[in-house]
Amino acid sequence: MTTLATVIIRHVLAALKWPSAIETKLQKAKTIFGKLTGNAKFPLSSWPANIISLAQLGTDIDAFDAAQTAVKKKTGTVADRNTKMNTVHADLVDILTMVQKTANLDPANAEDIIKGAGYECKIITIKQKQQNGAHPSGIAGIMVLTAEGGGAHQWQITKDKTNITVLDPTTTAHTLTSSLNIGDVMYQRSRPILKKGQTADWSAWIEFKVQ
């Protein structure tokens, strides 16, 4: 009978700690914009097309800044300022997904990557047997997927085993899902990535419920 080793999985999540004060929100946005500008981990040449551009973030921050100044001078409305503020918040949440994806590809430097982009880190630690599985991350809708053995792996997730989403390869035997719908029943499977980029067979599908 094979005894499975117990392993400690440590994963780093990017977080946006959005302040309560308006001026502090504005400063937070400007800080993230500044840290992303010229950041070698996020070159504009490979900026994902589905993520709000850095230039657009800058434009939206300027609009938020101008609207806040107008409120203070009593020449603008709070409603207009809040609309522009919410646009900036949505931009930062969108960019956070890119930051998380980049951090996932380099687990050893994940904290530096996230903090270097101006975001905060949340550490997830899970103790489990080294086998294929899905575990709550502690953040609603995000699950930690694990695989047998160590080394690089790739995962697929699906609701019906027909429409399949392929996750980015990792250098470790665990990864994070994107935000999923709480309560959904999903399936996941994984395969090891061998030397020279070769891959082994996919594991059997494993059912899990999103928490």
Protein backbone atom coordinates (compact mmCIF):
# COMPACT_ATOMS: atom_id res chain seq x y z
CA MET A 1 0.00 0.00 0.00
CA THR A 2 1.44 3.37 -1.02
CA THR A 3 1.55 6.07 1.63
CA LEU A 4 0.99 9.54 0.28
CA ALA A 5 3.25 12.22 1.65
CA THR A 6 1.66 15.18 3.38
CA VAL A 7 2.74 18.44 1.78
CA ILE A 8 2.28 22.09 2.63
CA ILE A 9 1.07 24.12 -0.32
CA ARG A 10 1.79 27.83 -0.17
CA HIS A 11 0.26 30.05 -2.81
CA VAL A 12 0.39 33.81 -3.14
CA LEU A 13 -2.71 35.74 -4.19
CA ALA A 14 -2.68 39.30 -5.48
CA ALA A 15 -5.07 41.58 -3.62
CA LEU A 16 -6.29 45.13 -4.07
CA LYS A 17 -6.76 46.82 -0.71
CA TRP A 18 -9.02 49.66 -1.80
CA PRO A 19 -8.90 52.40 0.86
CA SER A 20 -12.01 54.08 2.25
CA ALA A 21 -10.89 57.71 1.89
CA ILE A 22 -11.28 59.23 -1.58
CA GLU A 23 -7.88 60.93 -1.63
CA THR A 24 -6.22 57.70 -0.50
CA LYS A 25 -8.00 55.77 -3.26
CA LEU A 26 -6.64 58.27 -5.77
CA GLN A 27 -3.13 57.95 -4.40
CA LYS A 28 -3.39 54.14 -4.43
CA ALA A 29 -4.35 54.18 -8.11
CA LYS A 30 -1.50 56.54 -8.95
CA THR A 31 0.96 54.31 -7.07
CA ILE A 32 -0.09 51.21 -9.03
CA PHE A 33 0.11 53.13 -12.30
CA GLY A 34 3.61 54.32 -11.39
CA LYS A 35 4.81 50.84 -10.44
CA LEU A 36 3.47 49.32 -13.66
CA THR A 37 5.06 52.00 -15.83
CA GLY A 38 8.34 50.62 -17.16
CA ASN A 39 7.92 47.41 -15.14
CA ALA A 40 9.98 44.68 -16.83
CA LYS A 41 7.53 42.00 -15.68
CA PHE A 42 4.68 43.73 -17.53
CA PRO A 43 6.13 45.08 -20.79
CA LEU A 44 3.70 46.99 -22.97
CA SER A 45 4.78 44.88 -25.95
CA SER A 46 3.18 41.78 -24.38
CA TRP A 47 0.35 43.45 -22.47
CA PRO A 48 -2.73 41.19 -22.90
CA ALA A 49 -5.30 42.53 -25.35
CA ASN A 50 -8.17 41.57 -23.02
CA ILE A 51 -6.80 43.67 -20.14
CA ILE A 52 -7.41 47.41 -19.84
CA SER A 53 -4.34 49.18 -21.21
CA LEU A 54 -1.91 51.08 -19.03
CA ALA A 55 -2.57 54.21 -21.09
CA GLN A 56 -6.31 53.90 -20.48
CA LEU A 57 -5.70 53.43 -16.76
CA GLY A 58 -3.70 56.66 -16.76
CA THR A 59 -6.48 58.48 -18.61
CA ASP A 60 -9.10 57.19 -16.18
CA ILE A 61 -6.99 58.18 -13.16
CA ASP A 62 -6.62 61.70 -14.56
CA ALA A 63 -10.39 61.91 -14.99
CA PHE A 64 -10.92 60.73 -11.41
CA ASP A 65 -8.37 63.26 -10.17
CA ALA A 66 -10.02 66.12 -12.07
CA ALA A 67 -13.48 65.13 -10.84
CA GLN A 68 -12.27 65.00 -7.24
CA THR A 69 -10.70 68.46 -7.61
CA ALA A 70 -13.99 69.74 -9.02
CA VAL A 71 -15.87 68.38 -6.01
CA LYS A 72 -13.49 70.12 -3.62
CA LYS A 73 -13.94 73.39 -5.55
CA LYS A 74 -17.71 72.82 -5.63
CA THR A 75 -17.72 72.97 -9.42
CA GLY A 76 -18.44 69.27 -9.92
CA THR A 77 -20.79 66.65 -8.52
CA VAL A 78 -20.10 63.79 -6.15
CA ALA A 79 -22.03 61.48 -8.48
CA ASP A 80 -19.73 62.29 -11.41
CA ARG A 81 -16.65 61.85 -9.19
CA ASN A 82 -17.90 58.49 -7.94
CA THR A 83 -18.55 57.27 -11.47
CA LYS A 84 -14.99 58.06 -12.49
CA MET A 85 -13.65 56.57 -9.25
CA ASN A 86 -15.55 53.33 -9.90
CA THR A 87 -14.10 53.17 -13.41
CA VAL A 88 -10.58 53.33 -11.97
CA HIS A 89 -11.43 50.63 -9.44
CA ALA A 90 -12.70 48.37 -12.23
CA ASP A 91 -9.49 49.02 -14.19
CA LEU A 92 -7.35 48.01 -11.21
CA VAL A 93 -9.35 44.83 -10.64
CA ASP A 94 -8.95 43.93 -14.31
CA ILE A 95 -5.20 44.50 -14.20
CA LEU A 96 -4.98 42.45 -11.00
CA THR A 97 -5.92 39.34 -13.00
CA MET A 98 -2.90 39.91 -15.24
CA VAL A 99 -0.65 40.41 -12.21
CA GLN A 100 -1.93 37.17 -10.66
CA LYS A 101 -1.38 35.24 -13.87
CA THR A 102 2.21 36.50 -14.10
CA ALA A 103 2.85 35.61 -10.45
CA ASN A 104 1.44 32.10 -10.96
CA LEU A 105 4.02 31.45 -13.67
CA ASP A 106 6.88 32.27 -11.30
CA PRO A 107 5.90 31.02 -7.81
CA ALA A 108 9.36 31.59 -6.33
CA ASN A 109 9.12 35.31 -7.08
CA ALA A 110 5.35 35.72 -6.81
CA GLU A 111 5.42 38.10 -3.84
CA ASP A 112 7.99 40.37 -5.48
CA ILE A 113 6.01 40.41 -8.73
CA ILE A 114 2.75 41.32 -6.99
CA LYS A 115 4.23 43.95 -4.69
CA GLY A 116 6.30 45.31 -7.56
CA ALA A 117 3.04 46.03 -9.40
CA GLY A 118 1.67 47.96 -6.42
CA TYR A 119 -0.75 45.30 -5.17
CA GLU A 120 -0.81 43.48 -1.83
CA CYS A 121 -0.27 39.78 -1.16
CA LYS A 122 -2.51 37.24 0.53
CA ILE A 123 -0.80 33.97 1.43
CA ILE A 124 -2.78 30.73 1.16
CA THR A 125 -1.41 27.72 3.03
CA ILE A 126 -3.01 24.30 2.61
CA LYS A 127 -1.90 21.03 4.19
CA GLN A 128 -2.92 18.00 2.14
CA LYS A 129 -1.93 14.62 0.80
CA GLN A 130 0.01 14.87 -2.44
CA GLN A 131 -2.71 13.78 -4.84
CA ASN A 132 -5.13 15.08 -7.45
CA GLY A 133 -7.73 17.27 -5.81
CA ALA A 134 -9.42 20.65 -5.39
CA HIS A 135 -9.36 22.65 -2.17
CA PRO A 136 -10.93 25.92 -1.00
CA SER A 137 -8.46 28.80 -1.07
CA GLY A 138 -10.17 30.81 1.62
CA ILE A 139 -11.36 33.29 -1.01
CA ALA A 140 -14.86 32.69 -2.37
CA GLY A 141 -14.90 31.30 -5.90
CA ILE A 142 -11.18 30.57 -6.09
CA MET A 143 -10.02 26.96 -5.68
CA VAL A 144 -6.56 25.45 -5.32
CA LEU A 145 -6.06 22.54 -7.71
CA THR A 146 -3.42 19.95 -6.84
CA ALA A 147 -1.79 17.08 -8.70
CA GLU A 148 0.14 13.96 -7.77
CA GLY A 149 3.90 14.25 -7.67
CA GLY A 150 6.02 17.35 -7.98
CA GLY A 151 7.22 19.47 -10.83
CA ALA A 152 5.46 21.26 -13.66
CA HIS A 153 1.82 20.51 -14.46
CA GLN A 154 -1.08 21.72 -16.55
CA TRP A 155 -4.80 21.61 -15.73
CA GLN A 156 -8.14 21.59 -17.47
CA ILE A 157 -11.42 22.58 -15.82
CA THR A 158 -14.97 22.13 -17.10
CA LYS A 159 -18.61 21.96 -16.04
CA ASP A 160 -19.66 19.34 -18.60
CA LYS A 161 -16.43 17.66 -19.82
CA THR A 162 -17.18 19.13 -23.26
CA ASN A 163 -16.53 22.86 -22.96
CA ILE A 164 -13.06 22.79 -21.45
CA THR A 165 -10.88 25.62 -20.18
CA VAL A 166 -7.12 24.98 -20.27
CA LEU A 167 -5.18 26.70 -17.49
CA ASP A 168 -1.66 28.03 -17.90
CA PRO A 169 1.12 25.54 -17.12
CA THR A 170 2.83 25.90 -13.75
CA THR A 171 6.25 24.93 -12.43
CA THR A 172 4.61 23.33 -9.39
CA ALA A 173 2.01 20.64 -8.70
CA HIS A 174 -0.67 23.16 -7.76
CA THR A 175 -2.44 26.15 -9.26
CA LEU A 176 -5.36 28.53 -8.68
CA THR A 177 -8.57 28.69 -10.66
CA SER A 178 -9.99 32.00 -11.77
CA SER A 179 -13.07 33.28 -9.96
CA LEU A 180 -15.81 30.66 -10.33
CA ASN A 181 -19.46 30.65 -9.36
CA ILE A 182 -19.91 29.48 -5.77
CA GLY A 183 -21.88 26.23 -5.60
CA ASP A 184 -21.12 25.12 -9.17
CA VAL A 185 -20.09 21.49 -9.62
CA MET A 186 -16.93 21.38 -11.74
CA TYR A 187 -14.40 18.83 -12.96
CA GLN A 188 -10.64 19.13 -13.15
CA ARG A 189 -7.81 17.00 -14.45
CA SER A 190 -4.08 17.49 -14.78
CA ARG A 191 -1.04 16.16 -16.58
CA PRO A 192 2.69 16.43 -15.78
CA ILE A 193 4.89 18.48 -18.07
CA LEU A 194 8.05 16.50 -18.75
CA LYS A 195 11.51 17.56 -19.84
CA LYS A 196 11.81 19.42 -23.14
CA GLY A 197 8.15 20.44 -22.90
CA GLN A 198 6.75 16.96 -23.44
CA THR A 199 3.56 16.04 -21.56
CA ALA A 200 2.25 12.87 -19.95
CA ASP A 201 -1.33 11.62 -20.15
CA TRP A 202 -4.20 13.48 -18.54
CA SER A 203 -5.40 12.17 -15.19
CA ALA A 204 -8.99 11.07 -14.67
CA TRP A 205 -11.58 13.81 -14.17
CA ILE A 206 -12.13 14.78 -10.53
CA GLU A 207 -15.39 16.38 -9.46
CA PHE A 208 -15.39 19.30 -7.05
CA LYS A 209 -17.81 21.92 -5.76
CA VAL A 210 -16.80 25.56 -5.89
CA GLN A 211 -16.66 27.15 -2.43
